[in-house]
Protein backbone atom coordinates (compact mmCIF):
# COMPACT_ATOMS: atom_id res chain seq x y z
CA UNK A 1 22.50 15.47 17.42
CA UNK A 2 20.89 18.97 18.26
CA UNK A 3 18.13 18.92 20.89
CA UNK A 4 16.06 21.67 21.86
CA UNK A 5 13.11 22.60 24.31
CA UNK A 6 10.02 23.97 23.20
CA UNK A 7 6.56 23.84 24.32
CA UNK A 8 3.93 21.22 22.87
CA UNK A 9 0.16 23.39 23.24
CA UNK A 10 -2.45 20.95 22.60
CA UNK A 11 -6.42 22.01 22.03
CA UNK A 12 -9.01 19.70 22.23
CA UNK A 13 -12.13 21.93 21.10
CA UNK A 14 -14.98 21.38 18.59
CA UNK A 15 -14.42 21.04 15.07
CA UNK A 16 -16.95 23.35 13.65
CA UNK A 17 -14.58 26.04 15.01
CA UNK A 18 -11.00 24.69 13.40
CA UNK A 19 -11.00 27.13 10.55
CA UNK A 20 -10.71 30.41 12.99
CA UNK A 21 -8.89 28.65 15.59
CA UNK A 22 -5.84 28.23 13.08
CA UNK A 23 -6.47 32.05 11.72
CA UNK A 24 -5.64 32.86 15.89
CA UNK A 25 -3.21 30.65 16.33
CA UNK A 26 -1.13 31.30 13.50
CA UNK A 27 -1.91 35.20 13.99
CA UNK A 28 -0.09 34.97 16.85
CA UNK A 29 3.22 33.66 15.67
CA UNK A 30 2.96 29.82 15.02
CA UNK A 31 5.33 28.03 12.32
CA UNK A 32 2.69 25.04 11.97
CA UNK A 33 0.22 22.98 13.56
CA UNK A 34 -1.12 19.54 13.55
CA UNK A 35 -4.68 18.28 13.63
CA UNK A 36 -6.15 15.29 14.65
CA UNK A 37 -9.86 13.92 15.33
CA UNK A 38 -10.24 13.46 18.84
CA UNK A 39 -13.18 11.71 21.10
CA UNK A 40 -13.77 11.76 24.70
CA UNK A 41 -16.13 12.75 27.65
CA UNK A 42 -16.11 15.62 29.73
CA UNK A 43 -18.09 18.39 31.58
CA UNK A 44 -19.99 18.91 28.46
CA UNK A 45 -20.68 15.52 27.74
CA UNK A 46 -19.81 12.70 25.60
CA UNK A 47 -17.99 13.26 22.09
CA UNK A 48 -18.38 10.18 20.10
CA UNK A 49 -17.02 8.53 16.88
CA UNK A 50 -19.96 9.84 14.69
CA UNK A 51 -17.77 12.68 12.95
CA UNK A 52 -19.65 15.88 11.74
CA UNK A 53 -20.23 18.84 13.72
CA UNK A 54 -20.51 17.40 16.74
CA UNK A 55 -17.27 16.15 16.47
CA UNK A 56 -13.57 17.27 18.59
CA UNK A 57 -10.31 17.87 17.17
CA UNK A 58 -7.07 17.97 19.05
CA UNK A 59 -4.57 20.66 17.60
CA UNK A 60 -0.76 20.47 18.62
CA UNK A 61 1.37 23.15 18.03
CA UNK A 62 5.26 23.41 18.75
CA UNK A 63 6.67 26.87 19.57
CA UNK A 64 8.24 28.56 21.85
CA UNK A 65 7.33 29.34 25.56
CA UNK A 66 6.43 33.28 24.82
CA UNK A 67 4.16 31.78 21.43
CA UNK A 68 2.33 29.31 23.16
CA UNK A 69 1.08 32.11 26.35
CA UNK A 70 -0.02 34.60 23.23
CA UNK A 71 -2.00 31.57 21.79
CA UNK A 72 -3.31 30.26 25.15
CA UNK A 73 -4.30 34.00 26.38
CA UNK A 74 -5.82 34.68 22.73
CA UNK A 75 -7.75 31.72 22.52
CA UNK A 76 -9.00 31.74 26.24
CA UNK A 77 -10.38 35.59 25.49
CA UNK A 78 -11.86 34.36 22.25
CA UNK A 79 -13.47 30.73 22.33
CA UNK A 80 -13.40 29.68 26.00
CA UNK A 81 -16.40 30.81 27.06
CA UNK A 82 -18.84 29.91 23.96
CA UNK A 83 -16.75 26.48 22.95
CA UNK A 84 -16.12 23.13 24.42
CA UNK A 85 -12.45 23.47 24.78
CA UNK A 86 -9.41 22.25 27.13
CA UNK A 87 -6.04 23.55 26.52
CA UNK A 88 -2.96 22.44 28.10
CA UNK A 89 1.45 22.52 27.15
CA UNK A 90 4.66 21.00 28.46
CA UNK A 91 7.56 21.26 27.66
CA UNK A 92 9.38 18.90 24.81
CA UNK A 93 12.75 18.39 23.52
CA UNK A 94 12.71 18.32 19.28
CA UNK A 95 15.43 17.25 17.08
CA UNK A 96 15.08 19.27 14.42
CA UNK A 97 14.96 23.07 16.14
CA UNK A 98 15.33 24.92 13.27
CA UNK A 99 11.54 23.98 12.40
CA UNK A 100 10.49 25.54 15.23
């Protein structure tokens, strides 16, 4: 079984910017992404489970380190100032490297 290292980039942010965020991610070369609902508390307060415009999403992208860096810098420049957002990455191994 072939195993390859890629980066798992995770962005937790406001659901209201989902469409613009995904457009930005794809424009930087990402092949795909996964979105799930998220809730929690941080410096901008509590995000409860009552979904709608107040909800948060978690966007996960598996990609090369170079693409992750492009996404991170572009997302930071476009969204950090105006939206609640946290972004982090770490290396992971994937078992289907041809997909990424």
